[in-house]
Amino acid sequence: MANKIKEEQLKELQEKVSVIQQIQGQVGNIEGQKHLLLHQLATSQEELQKLQKALEDEYGKVSINIQDGSYEEIVEEAVEA
């Protein structure tokens, strides 16, 4: 006959392992969501850069108020050498 731990010890051990497995599964799901969100963020940033380039091509270097769409020309100061 094989040696065995007490029944209550086995139950506690099984519960602890089950909790750890559940947490690991949740962490895996969160990491998957994180990866997806980071990809969506990168895509959105690329789309914003394209839009900014198109706006700059049309209006020149301007600062646009994203609340009302008004803009002001950006005046670059000459750098003295």
N, C-alpha and C. Protein backbone atom coordinates (compact mmCIF):
# COMPACT_ATOMS: atom_id res chain seq x y z
N MET A 1 0.84 -1.18 0.00
CA MET A 1 0.00 0.00 0.00
C MET A 1 0.89 1.24 0.00
N ALA A 2 0.50 2.24 -0.79
CA ALA A 2 1.27 3.47 -0.91
C ALA A 2 1.04 4.35 0.30
N ASN A 3 2.08 5.10 0.63
CA ASN A 3 1.95 6.07 1.71
C ASN A 3 1.13 7.25 1.22
N LYS A 4 0.27 7.77 2.07
CA LYS A 4 -0.60 8.88 1.68
C LYS A 4 -0.62 9.93 2.79
N ILE A 5 -0.81 11.19 2.36
CA ILE A 5 -0.99 12.25 3.34
C ILE A 5 -2.43 12.20 3.84
N LYS A 6 -2.68 12.93 4.91
CA LYS A 6 -4.03 12.94 5.48
C LYS A 6 -5.01 13.55 4.49
N GLU A 7 -6.26 13.12 4.58
CA GLU A 7 -7.31 13.57 3.66
C GLU A 7 -7.48 15.09 3.68
N GLU A 8 -7.48 15.68 4.88
CA GLU A 8 -7.65 17.14 4.96
C GLU A 8 -6.44 17.88 4.37
N GLN A 9 -5.25 17.29 4.48
CA GLN A 9 -4.06 17.90 3.88
C GLN A 9 -4.15 17.83 2.35
N LEU A 10 -4.62 16.69 1.84
CA LEU A 10 -4.79 16.52 0.40
C LEU A 10 -5.80 17.53 -0.13
N LYS A 11 -6.91 17.70 0.58
CA LYS A 11 -7.93 18.66 0.16
C LYS A 11 -7.37 20.08 0.13
N GLU A 12 -6.63 20.46 1.17
CA GLU A 12 -6.04 21.80 1.22
C GLU A 12 -5.02 21.98 0.09
N LEU A 13 -4.22 20.98 -0.16
CA LEU A 13 -3.23 21.03 -1.24
C LEU A 13 -3.91 21.20 -2.59
N GLN A 14 -4.96 20.43 -2.82
CA GLN A 14 -5.70 20.52 -4.07
C GLN A 14 -6.33 21.90 -4.25
N GLU A 15 -6.87 22.47 -3.17
CA GLU A 15 -7.46 23.81 -3.23
C GLU A 15 -6.43 24.86 -3.59
N LYS A 16 -5.25 24.79 -2.96
CA LYS A 16 -4.18 25.76 -3.23
C LYS A 16 -3.73 25.67 -4.68
N VAL A 17 -3.54 24.47 -5.19
CA VAL A 17 -3.12 24.27 -6.58
C VAL A 17 -4.18 24.77 -7.53
N SER A 18 -5.45 24.52 -7.21
CA SER A 18 -6.55 24.98 -8.05
C SER A 18 -6.59 26.50 -8.12
N VAL A 19 -6.40 27.17 -6.97
CA VAL A 19 -6.40 28.63 -6.94
C VAL A 19 -5.26 29.17 -7.81
N ILE A 20 -4.08 28.58 -7.68
CA ILE A 20 -2.93 29.02 -8.47
C ILE A 20 -3.20 28.84 -9.96
N GLN A 21 -3.79 27.73 -10.34
CA GLN A 21 -4.09 27.47 -11.75
C GLN A 21 -5.11 28.48 -12.28
N GLN A 22 -6.10 28.81 -11.47
CA GLN A 22 -7.10 29.80 -11.89
C GLN A 22 -6.45 31.17 -12.08
N ILE A 23 -5.59 31.55 -11.15
CA ILE A 23 -4.92 32.84 -11.24
C ILE A 23 -4.02 32.88 -12.47
N GLN A 24 -3.30 31.80 -12.73
CA GLN A 24 -2.44 31.74 -13.91
C GLN A 24 -3.26 31.88 -15.19
N GLY A 25 -4.44 31.26 -15.21
CA GLY A 25 -5.32 31.39 -16.37
C GLY A 25 -5.78 32.82 -16.56
N GLN A 26 -6.12 33.48 -15.46
CA GLN A 26 -6.57 34.87 -15.52
C GLN A 26 -5.43 35.78 -15.99
N VAL A 27 -4.23 35.54 -15.49
CA VAL A 27 -3.07 36.33 -15.92
C VAL A 27 -2.84 36.15 -17.42
N GLY A 28 -2.98 34.92 -17.90
CA GLY A 28 -2.84 34.67 -19.33
C GLY A 28 -3.87 35.44 -20.14
N ASN A 29 -5.10 35.46 -19.67
CA ASN A 29 -6.15 36.22 -20.36
C ASN A 29 -5.84 37.71 -20.37
N ILE A 30 -5.38 38.22 -19.23
CA ILE A 30 -5.06 39.64 -19.14
C ILE A 30 -3.89 39.98 -20.07
N GLU A 31 -2.89 39.13 -20.13
CA GLU A 31 -1.76 39.38 -21.02
C GLU A 31 -2.21 39.37 -22.49
N GLY A 32 -3.14 38.48 -22.82
CA GLY A 32 -3.69 38.46 -24.17
C GLY A 32 -4.42 39.75 -24.49
N GLN A 33 -5.22 40.23 -23.54
CA GLN A 33 -5.92 41.50 -23.72
C GLN A 33 -4.93 42.65 -23.83
N LYS A 34 -3.89 42.61 -23.01
CA LYS A 34 -2.85 43.65 -23.04
C LYS A 34 -2.20 43.70 -24.42
N HIS A 35 -1.86 42.53 -24.95
CA HIS A 35 -1.24 42.48 -26.28
C HIS A 35 -2.15 43.09 -27.33
N LEU A 36 -3.43 42.72 -27.29
CA LEU A 36 -4.40 43.25 -28.26
C LEU A 36 -4.52 44.76 -28.12
N LEU A 37 -4.61 45.25 -26.90
CA LEU A 37 -4.74 46.69 -26.68
C LEU A 37 -3.49 47.45 -27.13
N LEU A 38 -2.32 46.89 -26.88
CA LEU A 38 -1.08 47.54 -27.34
C LEU A 38 -1.03 47.61 -28.86
N HIS A 39 -1.51 46.56 -29.51
CA HIS A 39 -1.56 46.56 -30.98
C HIS A 39 -2.54 47.63 -31.47
N GLN A 40 -3.70 47.72 -30.83
CA GLN A 40 -4.69 48.73 -31.22
C GLN A 40 -4.15 50.13 -30.97
N LEU A 41 -3.41 50.31 -29.88
CA LEU A 41 -2.81 51.61 -29.58
C LEU A 41 -1.80 51.99 -30.65
N ALA A 42 -0.94 51.07 -31.04
CA ALA A 42 0.06 51.35 -32.07
C ALA A 42 -0.62 51.70 -33.40
N THR A 43 -1.67 50.98 -33.75
CA THR A 43 -2.40 51.25 -34.99
C THR A 43 -3.04 52.64 -34.94
N SER A 44 -3.64 52.98 -33.81
CA SER A 44 -4.27 54.29 -33.66
C SER A 44 -3.24 55.41 -33.74
N GLN A 45 -2.08 55.20 -33.16
CA GLN A 45 -1.02 56.21 -33.21
C GLN A 45 -0.52 56.40 -34.65
N GLU A 46 -0.40 55.31 -35.39
CA GLU A 46 0.00 55.41 -36.80
C GLU A 46 -1.04 56.17 -37.61
N GLU A 47 -2.32 55.90 -37.36
CA GLU A 47 -3.39 56.60 -38.08
C GLU A 47 -3.39 58.09 -37.74
N LEU A 48 -3.12 58.43 -36.48
CA LEU A 48 -3.04 59.83 -36.07
C LEU A 48 -1.88 60.52 -36.78
N GLN A 49 -0.74 59.86 -36.86
CA GLN A 49 0.42 60.44 -37.54
C GLN A 49 0.11 60.70 -39.02
N LYS A 50 -0.58 59.78 -39.67
CA LYS A 50 -0.95 59.97 -41.07
C LYS A 50 -1.88 61.17 -41.22
N LEU A 51 -2.86 61.28 -40.31
CA LEU A 51 -3.78 62.40 -40.35
C LEU A 51 -3.04 63.71 -40.10
N GLN A 52 -2.13 63.72 -39.13
CA GLN A 52 -1.36 64.92 -38.85
C GLN A 52 -0.54 65.34 -40.07
N LYS A 53 0.03 64.38 -40.78
CA LYS A 53 0.81 64.67 -41.99
C LYS A 53 -0.10 65.26 -43.06
N ALA A 54 -1.28 64.69 -43.24
CA ALA A 54 -2.22 65.20 -44.24
C ALA A 54 -2.66 66.61 -43.89
N LEU A 55 -2.91 66.86 -42.61
CA LEU A 55 -3.31 68.21 -42.19
C LEU A 55 -2.16 69.20 -42.39
N GLU A 56 -0.94 68.77 -42.09
CA GLU A 56 0.22 69.64 -42.29
C GLU A 56 0.42 69.95 -43.77
N ASP A 57 0.19 68.94 -44.63
CA ASP A 57 0.31 69.17 -46.07
C ASP A 57 -0.71 70.19 -46.55
N GLU A 58 -1.89 70.16 -45.96
CA GLU A 58 -2.96 71.07 -46.39
C GLU A 58 -2.86 72.46 -45.75
N TYR A 59 -2.54 72.51 -44.46
CA TYR A 59 -2.58 73.79 -43.74
C TYR A 59 -1.20 74.34 -43.36
N GLY A 60 -0.17 73.55 -43.57
CA GLY A 60 1.16 73.97 -43.13
C GLY A 60 1.35 73.62 -41.66
N LYS A 61 2.42 74.16 -41.09
CA LYS A 61 2.70 73.88 -39.67
C LYS A 61 1.77 74.74 -38.82
N VAL A 62 0.79 74.06 -38.22
CA VAL A 62 -0.20 74.75 -37.40
C VAL A 62 -0.41 73.98 -36.10
N SER A 63 -0.92 74.69 -35.12
CA SER A 63 -1.35 74.09 -33.86
C SER A 63 -2.87 74.08 -33.88
N ILE A 64 -3.45 72.89 -33.83
CA ILE A 64 -4.90 72.76 -33.97
C ILE A 64 -5.52 72.51 -32.60
N ASN A 65 -6.57 73.29 -32.31
CA ASN A 65 -7.36 73.09 -31.10
C ASN A 65 -8.32 71.94 -31.38
N ILE A 66 -8.14 70.81 -30.69
CA ILE A 66 -8.98 69.65 -30.98
C ILE A 66 -10.39 69.78 -30.41
N GLN A 67 -10.65 70.84 -29.65
CA GLN A 67 -11.99 71.06 -29.14
C GLN A 67 -12.91 71.68 -30.18
N ASP A 68 -12.38 72.69 -30.90
CA ASP A 68 -13.24 73.42 -31.85
C ASP A 68 -12.70 73.46 -33.28
N GLY A 69 -11.52 72.91 -33.52
CA GLY A 69 -10.98 72.86 -34.88
C GLY A 69 -10.24 74.11 -35.31
N SER A 70 -10.19 75.11 -34.45
CA SER A 70 -9.45 76.32 -34.83
C SER A 70 -7.95 76.01 -34.83
N TYR A 71 -7.20 76.79 -35.57
CA TYR A 71 -5.77 76.56 -35.60
C TYR A 71 -5.02 77.88 -35.71
N GLU A 72 -3.77 77.81 -35.27
CA GLU A 72 -2.86 78.95 -35.36
C GLU A 72 -1.59 78.47 -36.03
N GLU A 73 -1.03 79.34 -36.85
CA GLU A 73 0.21 79.01 -37.52
C GLU A 73 1.35 78.96 -36.51
N ILE A 74 2.21 77.99 -36.67
CA ILE A 74 3.39 77.89 -35.80
C ILE A 74 4.51 78.66 -36.46
N VAL A 75 4.99 79.67 -35.76
CA VAL A 75 6.07 80.50 -36.29
C VAL A 75 7.37 80.01 -35.68
N GLU A 76 8.26 79.55 -36.54
CA GLU A 76 9.55 79.07 -36.07
C GLU A 76 10.51 80.24 -36.00
N GLU A 77 11.17 80.37 -34.86
CA GLU A 77 12.12 81.46 -34.69
C GLU A 77 13.45 81.07 -35.34
N ALA A 78 14.07 82.04 -35.98
CA ALA A 78 15.34 81.80 -36.62
C ALA A 78 16.41 81.57 -35.55
N VAL A 79 17.23 80.60 -35.75
CA VAL A 79 18.31 80.29 -34.82
C VAL A 79 19.55 81.04 -35.28
N GLU A 80 20.10 81.86 -34.37
CA GLU A 80 21.30 82.62 -34.72
C GLU A 80 22.52 81.78 -34.48
N ALA A 81 23.43 81.79 -35.45
CA ALA A 81 24.64 80.99 -35.31
C ALA A 81 25.80 81.82 -34.84
